[in-house]
Amino acid sequence: MARNPAEDATLAVLTERGYRALTTAAVAARAGVSIATLYRRWPSKEVMVVDAAAAYAQELTTQADTGTLEGDLRALLRDKAASLTGREGGVLQTLIGEATHNTPLAVALTNAFVLPIRLRMEEITQRAVERGEIPPVEHADLLGDLVLGPMISRFFLTPLPPDEVDAATAAETADRFLPLLLRAVGYKGRT
């Protein structure tokens, strides 16, 4: 699914100027649309920025059911590693930093990034329980945080900026987390 020009312009201005210097006027000029056009689609700067970042990150995300817990978790971890590195990783890092003192942005980020991962992890877990791969998991909603937390720690809190991590390194890092996540959900198969 292609992003619209306003989303591309939002990401470009955000990358060049940072969140605080980003204005709807700059995005409108870059996209070749009016400011009113932006406000008809997005009620606030926060929502516009998060939607643009989410659209970009979604290009890397697959919702595949691989048929196994191990395959589903590998796909999820690799998707998250990819979306937290490269250009979108830098954008997300900027947004997370800003969200610490911007409640509307924090809410928008939670809705666009955190909640979908929690829901996806609950679905993966439920399918694994139904296939008999793991016992029922209490508090499956917390499992999404076991995906996000280590990835954010690894890619955002280390000296190497996310835009300097290549795809192979991101996938390798995701694969290293896989056995830990499998054990956390009670998987007894090979790891």
N, C-alpha and C. Protein backbone atom coordinates (compact mmCIF):
# COMPACT_ATOMS: atom_id res chain seq x y z
N MET A 1 0.85 -1.18 0.00
CA MET A 1 0.00 0.00 0.00
C MET A 1 0.89 1.25 0.00
N ALA A 2 0.69 2.11 -0.94
CA ALA A 2 1.53 3.29 -1.08
C ALA A 2 1.10 4.38 -0.11
N ARG A 3 2.08 5.08 0.40
CA ARG A 3 1.79 6.24 1.24
C ARG A 3 1.36 7.39 0.33
N ASN A 4 0.66 8.33 0.90
CA ASN A 4 0.30 9.49 0.10
C ASN A 4 1.42 10.53 0.18
N PRO A 5 1.42 11.53 -0.70
CA PRO A 5 2.51 12.52 -0.72
C PRO A 5 2.65 13.29 0.60
N ALA A 6 1.55 13.51 1.30
CA ALA A 6 1.63 14.23 2.58
C ALA A 6 2.39 13.40 3.62
N GLU A 7 2.20 12.07 3.61
CA GLU A 7 2.94 11.22 4.55
C GLU A 7 4.42 11.24 4.22
N ASP A 8 4.77 11.16 2.94
CA ASP A 8 6.18 11.23 2.54
C ASP A 8 6.78 12.58 2.94
N ALA A 9 6.02 13.65 2.71
CA ALA A 9 6.50 14.99 3.06
C ALA A 9 6.68 15.12 4.57
N THR A 10 5.76 14.54 5.33
CA THR A 10 5.86 14.59 6.79
C THR A 10 7.14 13.92 7.25
N LEU A 11 7.43 12.74 6.73
CA LEU A 11 8.65 12.03 7.12
C LEU A 11 9.90 12.79 6.69
N ALA A 12 9.87 13.39 5.51
CA ALA A 12 11.03 14.14 5.03
C ALA A 12 11.30 15.35 5.92
N VAL A 13 10.26 16.11 6.23
CA VAL A 13 10.43 17.30 7.09
C VAL A 13 10.85 16.87 8.49
N LEU A 14 10.26 15.80 9.01
CA LEU A 14 10.62 15.30 10.33
C LEU A 14 12.09 14.89 10.38
N THR A 15 12.55 14.20 9.36
CA THR A 15 13.94 13.76 9.30
C THR A 15 14.89 14.95 9.21
N GLU A 16 14.53 15.93 8.42
CA GLU A 16 15.40 17.10 8.22
C GLU A 16 15.41 18.05 9.40
N ARG A 17 14.25 18.28 10.01
CA ARG A 17 14.14 19.35 11.00
C ARG A 17 13.87 18.88 12.42
N GLY A 18 13.43 17.63 12.59
CA GLY A 18 13.05 17.16 13.91
C GLY A 18 11.60 17.48 14.19
N TYR A 19 11.08 16.89 15.25
CA TYR A 19 9.66 17.01 15.55
C TYR A 19 9.26 18.44 15.91
N ARG A 20 10.02 19.06 16.77
CA ARG A 20 9.61 20.39 17.25
C ARG A 20 9.59 21.43 16.15
N ALA A 21 10.48 21.31 15.19
CA ALA A 21 10.53 22.29 14.10
C ALA A 21 9.59 21.94 12.95
N LEU A 22 8.98 20.77 13.00
CA LEU A 22 8.04 20.37 11.96
C LEU A 22 6.77 21.18 12.08
N THR A 23 6.34 21.76 10.98
CA THR A 23 5.08 22.51 10.97
C THR A 23 4.19 21.96 9.86
N THR A 24 2.89 22.16 10.02
CA THR A 24 1.98 21.74 8.96
C THR A 24 2.23 22.56 7.70
N ALA A 25 2.65 23.81 7.86
CA ALA A 25 2.95 24.65 6.69
C ALA A 25 4.11 24.06 5.89
N ALA A 26 5.14 23.59 6.58
CA ALA A 26 6.30 22.99 5.89
C ALA A 26 5.90 21.69 5.20
N VAL A 27 5.08 20.90 5.85
CA VAL A 27 4.62 19.64 5.25
C VAL A 27 3.74 19.93 4.05
N ALA A 28 2.83 20.89 4.19
CA ALA A 28 1.93 21.24 3.08
C ALA A 28 2.73 21.72 1.88
N ALA A 29 3.71 22.58 2.11
CA ALA A 29 4.53 23.09 1.02
C ALA A 29 5.30 21.96 0.34
N ARG A 30 5.85 21.07 1.12
CA ARG A 30 6.63 19.95 0.58
C ARG A 30 5.73 18.99 -0.21
N ALA A 31 4.50 18.78 0.25
CA ALA A 31 3.58 17.86 -0.41
C ALA A 31 2.81 18.51 -1.56
N GLY A 32 2.86 19.83 -1.63
CA GLY A 32 2.12 20.52 -2.69
C GLY A 32 0.63 20.56 -2.44
N VAL A 33 0.24 20.62 -1.16
CA VAL A 33 -1.18 20.70 -0.80
C VAL A 33 -1.38 21.87 0.15
N SER A 34 -2.62 22.19 0.42
CA SER A 34 -2.89 23.28 1.36
C SER A 34 -2.86 22.76 2.80
N ILE A 35 -2.67 23.68 3.72
CA ILE A 35 -2.71 23.32 5.14
C ILE A 35 -4.10 22.79 5.49
N ALA A 36 -5.13 23.38 4.91
CA ALA A 36 -6.51 22.92 5.17
C ALA A 36 -6.69 21.47 4.75
N THR A 37 -6.04 21.08 3.66
CA THR A 37 -6.11 19.68 3.21
C THR A 37 -5.53 18.75 4.28
N LEU A 38 -4.42 19.15 4.87
CA LEU A 38 -3.82 18.33 5.93
C LEU A 38 -4.75 18.22 7.12
N TYR A 39 -5.34 19.33 7.53
CA TYR A 39 -6.21 19.31 8.71
C TYR A 39 -7.53 18.57 8.47
N ARG A 40 -7.95 18.46 7.22
CA ARG A 40 -9.14 17.66 6.94
C ARG A 40 -8.86 16.17 7.19
N ARG A 41 -7.65 15.77 6.96
CA ARG A 41 -7.30 14.36 7.15
C ARG A 41 -6.76 14.08 8.56
N TRP A 42 -5.97 15.00 9.09
CA TRP A 42 -5.34 14.78 10.40
C TRP A 42 -5.72 15.93 11.33
N PRO A 43 -6.32 15.63 12.48
CA PRO A 43 -6.77 16.68 13.38
C PRO A 43 -5.63 17.39 14.13
N SER A 44 -4.44 16.79 14.12
CA SER A 44 -3.32 17.42 14.83
C SER A 44 -2.00 17.01 14.21
N LYS A 45 -0.99 17.76 14.54
CA LYS A 45 0.37 17.46 14.09
C LYS A 45 0.79 16.08 14.58
N GLU A 46 0.46 15.76 15.82
CA GLU A 46 0.85 14.47 16.39
C GLU A 46 0.29 13.31 15.58
N VAL A 47 -0.99 13.38 15.28
CA VAL A 47 -1.64 12.30 14.54
C VAL A 47 -1.06 12.21 13.13
N MET A 48 -0.80 13.34 12.51
CA MET A 48 -0.22 13.35 11.16
C MET A 48 1.15 12.66 11.16
N VAL A 49 1.98 13.00 12.12
CA VAL A 49 3.33 12.42 12.19
C VAL A 49 3.27 10.93 12.47
N VAL A 50 2.46 10.53 13.43
CA VAL A 50 2.37 9.11 13.78
C VAL A 50 1.79 8.31 12.62
N ASP A 51 0.77 8.84 11.95
CA ASP A 51 0.21 8.13 10.80
C ASP A 51 1.24 7.95 9.70
N ALA A 52 2.03 8.97 9.45
CA ALA A 52 3.06 8.86 8.42
C ALA A 52 4.10 7.82 8.80
N ALA A 53 4.54 7.84 10.05
CA ALA A 53 5.53 6.85 10.51
C ALA A 53 4.94 5.45 10.50
N ALA A 54 3.69 5.32 10.89
CA ALA A 54 3.04 4.00 10.90
C ALA A 54 2.89 3.46 9.49
N ALA A 55 2.53 4.32 8.54
CA ALA A 55 2.40 3.87 7.15
C ALA A 55 3.73 3.39 6.61
N TYR A 56 4.78 4.10 6.97
CA TYR A 56 6.12 3.70 6.51
C TYR A 56 6.53 2.38 7.14
N ALA A 57 6.33 2.24 8.43
CA ALA A 57 6.72 1.00 9.12
C ALA A 57 5.86 -0.18 8.66
N GLN A 58 4.61 0.07 8.32
CA GLN A 58 3.70 -1.00 7.91
C GLN A 58 4.18 -1.67 6.63
N GLU A 59 4.90 -0.95 5.80
CA GLU A 59 5.43 -1.54 4.57
C GLU A 59 6.35 -2.72 4.86
N LEU A 60 6.97 -2.70 6.03
CA LEU A 60 7.91 -3.76 6.40
C LEU A 60 7.25 -4.87 7.19
N THR A 61 5.99 -4.69 7.56
CA THR A 61 5.34 -5.62 8.47
C THR A 61 4.43 -6.58 7.73
N THR A 62 4.60 -7.86 8.02
CA THR A 62 3.71 -8.87 7.46
C THR A 62 2.88 -9.44 8.60
N GLN A 63 1.67 -9.83 8.29
CA GLN A 63 0.79 -10.41 9.30
C GLN A 63 0.61 -11.91 9.06
N ALA A 64 1.61 -12.53 8.49
CA ALA A 64 1.49 -13.92 8.08
C ALA A 64 1.31 -14.87 9.25
N ASP A 65 0.50 -15.91 9.00
CA ASP A 65 0.37 -17.03 9.91
C ASP A 65 1.23 -18.14 9.30
N THR A 66 2.38 -18.40 9.89
CA THR A 66 3.31 -19.37 9.31
C THR A 66 2.92 -20.80 9.63
N GLY A 67 2.01 -20.98 10.58
CA GLY A 67 1.59 -22.32 10.97
C GLY A 67 2.32 -22.86 12.18
N THR A 68 3.33 -22.12 12.65
CA THR A 68 4.04 -22.54 13.86
C THR A 68 4.30 -21.33 14.75
N LEU A 69 4.39 -21.58 16.04
CA LEU A 69 4.72 -20.51 16.96
C LEU A 69 6.10 -19.95 16.64
N GLU A 70 7.05 -20.83 16.43
CA GLU A 70 8.41 -20.38 16.14
C GLU A 70 8.45 -19.50 14.89
N GLY A 71 7.77 -19.91 13.84
CA GLY A 71 7.74 -19.11 12.62
C GLY A 71 7.04 -17.78 12.80
N ASP A 72 5.92 -17.79 13.52
CA ASP A 72 5.19 -16.55 13.76
C ASP A 72 6.02 -15.56 14.58
N LEU A 73 6.68 -16.07 15.62
CA LEU A 73 7.49 -15.18 16.46
C LEU A 73 8.71 -14.67 15.71
N ARG A 74 9.33 -15.53 14.89
CA ARG A 74 10.47 -15.09 14.08
C ARG A 74 10.03 -13.94 13.16
N ALA A 75 8.90 -14.11 12.50
CA ALA A 75 8.40 -13.06 11.60
C ALA A 75 8.12 -11.77 12.36
N LEU A 76 7.48 -11.87 13.52
CA LEU A 76 7.18 -10.69 14.31
C LEU A 76 8.45 -9.99 14.78
N LEU A 77 9.40 -10.74 15.31
CA LEU A 77 10.64 -10.13 15.78
C LEU A 77 11.40 -9.48 14.64
N ARG A 78 11.46 -10.13 13.50
CA ARG A 78 12.16 -9.53 12.35
C ARG A 78 11.45 -8.27 11.86
N ASP A 79 10.12 -8.31 11.84
CA ASP A 79 9.36 -7.11 11.46
C ASP A 79 9.67 -5.95 12.38
N LYS A 80 9.67 -6.23 13.67
CA LYS A 80 9.93 -5.15 14.63
C LYS A 80 11.37 -4.66 14.53
N ALA A 81 12.31 -5.57 14.34
CA ALA A 81 13.71 -5.16 14.18
C ALA A 81 13.85 -4.26 12.96
N ALA A 82 13.19 -4.63 11.87
CA ALA A 82 13.26 -3.83 10.65
C ALA A 82 12.63 -2.46 10.84
N SER A 83 11.50 -2.40 11.56
CA SER A 83 10.82 -1.12 11.73
C SER A 83 11.49 -0.22 12.76
N LEU A 84 12.39 -0.76 13.56
CA LEU A 84 13.10 0.05 14.56
C LEU A 84 14.50 0.44 14.09
N THR A 85 14.84 0.08 12.88
CA THR A 85 16.14 0.43 12.32
C THR A 85 15.93 1.19 11.02
N GLY A 86 16.99 1.64 10.43
CA GLY A 86 16.88 2.39 9.19
C GLY A 86 16.17 3.72 9.38
N ARG A 87 15.61 4.24 8.30
CA ARG A 87 14.96 5.55 8.33
C ARG A 87 13.82 5.59 9.33
N GLU A 88 12.92 4.58 9.29
CA GLU A 88 11.78 4.61 10.20
C GLU A 88 12.21 4.46 11.65
N GLY A 89 13.30 3.75 11.89
CA GLY A 89 13.81 3.65 13.25
C GLY A 89 14.24 5.00 13.79
N GLY A 90 14.91 5.78 12.95
CA GLY A 90 15.31 7.13 13.36
C GLY A 90 14.11 8.01 13.63
N VAL A 91 13.08 7.88 12.79
CA VAL A 91 11.86 8.65 13.00
C VAL A 91 11.19 8.24 14.30
N LEU A 92 11.07 6.93 14.53
CA LEU A 92 10.44 6.46 15.77
C LEU A 92 11.24 6.87 17.00
N GLN A 93 12.54 6.83 16.91
CA GLN A 93 13.37 7.25 18.03
C GLN A 93 13.10 8.72 18.36
N THR A 94 13.00 9.56 17.35
CA THR A 94 12.68 10.97 17.55
C THR A 94 11.31 11.13 18.20
N LEU A 95 10.33 10.37 17.70
CA LEU A 95 8.98 10.49 18.23
C LEU A 95 8.88 10.00 19.67
N ILE A 96 9.56 8.92 19.98
CA ILE A 96 9.53 8.40 21.35
C ILE A 96 10.15 9.41 22.31
N GLY A 97 11.24 10.03 21.89
CA GLY A 97 11.86 11.06 22.72
C GLY A 97 10.91 12.22 22.98
N GLU A 98 10.22 12.65 21.96
CA GLU A 98 9.27 13.75 22.09
C GLU A 98 8.04 13.34 22.92
N ALA A 99 7.64 12.09 22.80
CA ALA A 99 6.43 11.62 23.49
C ALA A 99 6.57 11.63 25.00
N THR A 100 7.78 11.67 25.50
CA THR A 100 7.96 11.69 26.96
C THR A 100 7.37 12.94 27.60
N HIS A 101 7.22 14.01 26.83
CA HIS A 101 6.62 15.22 27.39
C HIS A 101 5.52 15.78 26.48
N ASN A 102 4.95 14.91 25.65
CA ASN A 102 3.86 15.32 24.76
C ASN A 102 2.79 14.22 24.82
N THR A 103 1.82 14.41 25.68
CA THR A 103 0.81 13.37 25.91
C THR A 103 0.03 13.01 24.64
N PRO A 104 -0.43 13.97 23.84
CA PRO A 104 -1.15 13.56 22.62
C PRO A 104 -0.29 12.69 21.69
N LEU A 105 0.98 13.01 21.59
CA LEU A 105 1.87 12.20 20.76
C LEU A 105 2.07 10.83 21.37
N ALA A 106 2.21 10.75 22.69
CA ALA A 106 2.37 9.46 23.36
C ALA A 106 1.15 8.58 23.13
N VAL A 107 -0.03 9.16 23.21
CA VAL A 107 -1.26 8.40 22.97
C VAL A 107 -1.31 7.92 21.53
N ALA A 108 -0.97 8.79 20.59
CA ALA A 108 -0.98 8.42 19.17
C ALA A 108 0.02 7.31 18.89
N LEU A 109 1.21 7.39 19.47
CA LEU A 109 2.22 6.34 19.30
C LEU A 109 1.74 5.02 19.89
N THR A 110 1.15 5.08 21.05
CA THR A 110 0.63 3.86 21.67
C THR A 110 -0.40 3.20 20.78
N ASN A 111 -1.32 4.00 20.25
CA ASN A 111 -2.38 3.46 19.39
C ASN A 111 -1.84 2.92 18.07
N ALA A 112 -0.84 3.57 17.51
CA ALA A 112 -0.34 3.18 16.19
C ALA A 112 0.72 2.08 16.23
N PHE A 113 1.49 2.00 17.32
CA PHE A 113 2.61 1.06 17.35
C PHE A 113 2.54 0.02 18.45
N VAL A 114 2.21 0.42 19.65
CA VAL A 114 2.25 -0.50 20.78
C VAL A 114 1.04 -1.44 20.79
N LEU A 115 -0.14 -0.89 20.70
CA LEU A 115 -1.34 -1.73 20.76
C LEU A 115 -1.40 -2.77 19.63
N PRO A 116 -1.06 -2.41 18.39
CA PRO A 116 -1.07 -3.45 17.35
C PRO A 116 -0.09 -4.60 17.62
N ILE A 117 1.04 -4.32 18.22
CA ILE A 117 2.00 -5.39 18.52
C ILE A 117 1.46 -6.26 19.65
N ARG A 118 0.85 -5.64 20.64
CA ARG A 118 0.24 -6.43 21.72
C ARG A 118 -0.86 -7.33 21.17
N LEU A 119 -1.70 -6.78 20.31
CA LEU A 119 -2.78 -7.57 19.71
C LEU A 119 -2.21 -8.70 18.84
N ARG A 120 -1.22 -8.39 18.05
CA ARG A 120 -0.62 -9.43 17.20
C ARG A 120 0.00 -10.54 18.05
N MET A 121 0.64 -10.17 19.14
CA MET A 121 1.24 -11.17 20.01
C MET A 121 0.17 -12.02 20.68
N GLU A 122 -0.94 -11.43 21.08
CA GLU A 122 -2.05 -12.20 21.64
C GLU A 122 -2.59 -13.20 20.61
N GLU A 123 -2.72 -12.77 19.36
CA GLU A 123 -3.21 -13.66 18.30
C GLU A 123 -2.24 -14.81 18.05
N ILE A 124 -0.96 -14.51 18.00
CA ILE A 124 0.06 -15.55 17.80
C ILE A 124 0.00 -16.56 18.94
N THR A 125 -0.11 -16.06 20.16
CA THR A 125 -0.17 -16.92 21.33
C THR A 125 -1.41 -17.80 21.30
N GLN A 126 -2.55 -17.21 20.98
CA GLN A 126 -3.81 -17.97 20.93
C GLN A 126 -3.73 -19.08 19.89
N ARG A 127 -3.18 -18.78 18.72
CA ARG A 127 -3.04 -19.82 17.69
C ARG A 127 -2.12 -20.94 18.18
N ALA A 128 -1.05 -20.59 18.87
CA ALA A 128 -0.12 -21.61 19.38
C ALA A 128 -0.79 -22.48 20.44
N VAL A 129 -1.63 -21.87 21.29
CA VAL A 129 -2.37 -22.63 22.29
C VAL A 129 -3.34 -23.58 21.58
N GLU A 130 -4.05 -23.09 20.59
CA GLU A 130 -5.01 -23.91 19.85
C GLU A 130 -4.32 -25.07 19.11
N ARG A 131 -3.08 -24.87 18.67
CA ARG A 131 -2.34 -25.94 17.99
C ARG A 131 -1.69 -26.89 18.99
N GLY A 132 -1.75 -26.55 20.28
CA GLY A 132 -1.15 -27.39 21.31
C GLY A 132 0.35 -27.21 21.46
N GLU A 133 0.89 -26.13 20.93
CA GLU A 133 2.33 -25.89 21.03
C GLU A 133 2.74 -25.37 22.40
N ILE A 134 1.83 -24.66 23.06
CA ILE A 134 2.12 -24.11 24.38
C ILE A 134 0.85 -24.20 25.23
N PRO A 135 1.04 -24.17 26.55
CA PRO A 135 -0.14 -24.13 27.42
C PRO A 135 -0.75 -22.72 27.38
N PRO A 136 -1.99 -22.57 27.83
CA PRO A 136 -2.58 -21.23 27.87
C PRO A 136 -1.66 -20.27 28.64
N VAL A 137 -1.62 -19.04 28.16
CA VAL A 137 -0.72 -18.03 28.74
C VAL A 137 -1.55 -16.99 29.47
N GLU A 138 -1.27 -16.84 30.75
CA GLU A 138 -1.94 -15.80 31.53
C GLU A 138 -1.29 -14.46 31.18
N HIS A 139 -2.07 -13.45 31.04
CA HIS A 139 -1.59 -12.10 30.71
C HIS A 139 -0.89 -12.05 29.35
N ALA A 140 -1.49 -12.68 28.36
CA ALA A 140 -0.91 -12.68 27.01
C ALA A 140 -0.75 -11.27 26.47
N ASP A 141 -1.54 -10.33 27.00
CA ASP A 141 -1.42 -8.94 26.54
C ASP A 141 -0.05 -8.34 26.85
N LEU A 142 0.63 -8.87 27.87
CA LEU A 142 1.96 -8.37 28.22
C LEU A 142 3.06 -8.88 27.30
N LEU A 143 2.77 -9.91 26.53
CA LEU A 143 3.79 -10.51 25.69
C LEU A 143 4.29 -9.56 24.59
N GLY A 144 3.42 -8.69 24.12
CA GLY A 144 3.87 -7.70 23.13
C GLY A 144 4.98 -6.82 23.67
N ASP A 145 4.93 -6.55 24.97
CA ASP A 145 5.98 -5.75 25.58
C ASP A 145 7.31 -6.51 25.63
N LEU A 146 7.22 -7.85 25.64
CA LEU A 146 8.45 -8.65 25.59
C LEU A 146 9.08 -8.63 24.20
N VAL A 147 8.31 -8.22 23.22
CA VAL A 147 8.86 -8.02 21.87
C VAL A 147 9.44 -6.61 21.78
N LEU A 148 8.65 -5.63 22.15
CA LEU A 148 9.07 -4.23 22.02
C LEU A 148 10.22 -3.84 22.93
N GLY A 149 10.12 -4.20 24.20
CA GLY A 149 11.12 -3.75 25.18
C GLY A 149 12.55 -4.09 24.79
N PRO A 150 12.85 -5.36 24.55
CA PRO A 150 14.22 -5.70 24.18
C PRO A 150 14.67 -5.07 22.87
N MET A 151 13.76 -4.96 21.92
CA MET A 151 14.13 -4.36 20.63
C MET A 151 14.44 -2.87 20.79
N ILE A 152 13.62 -2.17 21.55
CA ILE A 152 13.88 -0.75 21.77
C ILE A 152 15.19 -0.58 22.53
N SER A 153 15.41 -1.42 23.52
CA SER A 153 16.66 -1.36 24.27
C SER A 153 17.86 -1.58 23.35
N ARG A 154 17.77 -2.59 22.52
CA ARG A 154 18.88 -2.94 21.63
C ARG A 154 19.14 -1.89 20.57
N PHE A 155 18.08 -1.38 19.94
CA PHE A 155 18.26 -0.49 18.80
C PHE A 155 18.22 0.99 19.13
N PHE A 156 17.59 1.38 20.25
CA PHE A 156 17.49 2.80 20.56
C PHE A 156 18.39 3.23 21.71
N LEU A 157 18.75 2.32 22.59
CA LEU A 157 19.52 2.70 23.77
C LEU A 157 20.98 2.27 23.68
N THR A 158 21.42 1.94 22.50
CA THR A 158 22.82 1.59 22.29
C THR A 158 23.50 2.71 21.51
N PRO A 159 24.82 2.76 21.52
CA PRO A 159 25.52 3.86 20.86
C PRO A 159 25.33 3.91 19.34
N LEU A 160 24.96 2.80 18.71
CA LEU A 160 24.82 2.78 17.27
C LEU A 160 23.45 3.30 16.86
N PRO A 161 23.38 4.41 16.13
CA PRO A 161 22.07 4.95 15.71
C PRO A 161 21.33 3.96 14.82
N PRO A 162 19.97 3.94 14.92
CA PRO A 162 19.18 2.97 14.16
C PRO A 162 19.42 3.05 12.65
N ASP A 163 19.74 4.24 12.13
CA ASP A 163 19.94 4.35 10.68
C ASP A 163 21.29 3.80 10.24
N GLU A 164 22.12 3.36 11.19
CA GLU A 164 23.39 2.73 10.85
C GLU A 164 23.35 1.21 10.99
N VAL A 165 22.20 0.66 11.34
CA VAL A 165 22.03 -0.79 11.46
C VAL A 165 21.46 -1.30 10.16
N ASP A 166 22.15 -2.23 9.51
CA ASP A 166 21.64 -2.75 8.25
C ASP A 166 20.62 -3.86 8.48
N ALA A 167 19.93 -4.25 7.40
CA ALA A 167 18.85 -5.23 7.49
C ALA A 167 19.34 -6.58 8.01
N ALA A 168 20.52 -6.99 7.60
CA ALA A 168 21.06 -8.28 8.04
C ALA A 168 21.32 -8.28 9.55
N THR A 169 21.87 -7.20 10.05
CA THR A 169 22.14 -7.09 11.50
C THR A 169 20.83 -7.07 12.28
N ALA A 170 19.84 -6.36 11.77
CA ALA A 170 18.53 -6.31 12.44
C ALA A 170 17.92 -7.71 12.50
N ALA A 171 17.95 -8.45 11.39
CA ALA A 171 17.38 -9.80 11.36
C ALA A 171 18.15 -10.74 12.28
N GLU A 172 19.46 -10.62 12.30
CA GLU A 172 20.28 -11.46 13.18
C GLU A 172 19.96 -11.19 14.65
N THR A 173 19.78 -9.93 14.98
CA THR A 173 19.43 -9.57 16.36
C THR A 173 18.06 -10.15 16.72
N ALA A 174 17.11 -10.04 15.82
CA ALA A 174 15.77 -10.61 16.06
C ALA A 174 15.87 -12.11 16.30
N ASP A 175 16.66 -12.79 15.50
CA ASP A 175 16.81 -14.24 15.64
C ASP A 175 17.46 -14.62 16.97
N ARG A 176 18.31 -13.77 17.50
CA ARG A 176 18.93 -14.04 18.80
C ARG A 176 17.93 -13.91 19.94
N PHE A 177 16.92 -13.06 19.76
CA PHE A 177 15.87 -12.92 20.77
C PHE A 177 14.85 -14.05 20.72
N LEU A 178 14.74 -14.72 19.59
CA LEU A 178 13.70 -15.73 19.40
C LEU A 178 13.69 -16.82 20.48
N PRO A 179 14.82 -17.47 20.80
CA PRO A 179 14.76 -18.52 21.84
C PRO A 179 14.28 -18.00 23.19
N LEU A 180 14.64 -16.77 23.51
CA LEU A 180 14.22 -16.18 24.78
C LEU A 180 12.70 -15.98 24.82
N LEU A 181 12.14 -15.50 23.72
CA LEU A 181 10.70 -15.28 23.66
C LEU A 181 9.94 -16.60 23.65
N LEU A 182 10.48 -17.59 22.96
CA LEU A 182 9.84 -18.92 22.95
C LEU A 182 9.78 -19.50 24.36
N ARG A 183 10.85 -19.36 25.11
CA ARG A 183 10.85 -19.85 26.50
C ARG A 183 9.86 -19.06 27.35
N ALA A 184 9.75 -17.77 27.11
CA ALA A 184 8.84 -16.92 27.90
C ALA A 184 7.38 -17.34 27.73
N VAL A 185 7.03 -17.88 26.57
CA VAL A 185 5.64 -18.29 26.36
C VAL A 185 5.41 -19.77 26.67
N GLY A 186 6.45 -20.44 27.14
CA GLY A 186 6.29 -21.84 27.56
C GLY A 186 6.49 -22.87 26.48
N TYR A 187 7.15 -22.48 25.40
CA TYR A 187 7.40 -23.41 24.29
C TYR A 187 8.45 -24.44 24.69
N LYS A 188 8.15 -25.72 24.48
CA LYS A 188 9.07 -26.79 24.87
C LYS A 188 9.75 -27.45 23.67
N GLY A 189 9.45 -27.00 22.47
CA GLY A 189 10.04 -27.58 21.28
C GLY A 189 11.49 -27.16 21.13
N ARG A 190 12.02 -27.36 19.96
CA ARG A 190 13.43 -27.00 19.73
C ARG A 190 13.59 -25.48 19.73
N THR A 191 14.73 -25.00 20.26
CA THR A 191 15.04 -23.58 20.25
C THR A 191 16.47 -23.34 19.92
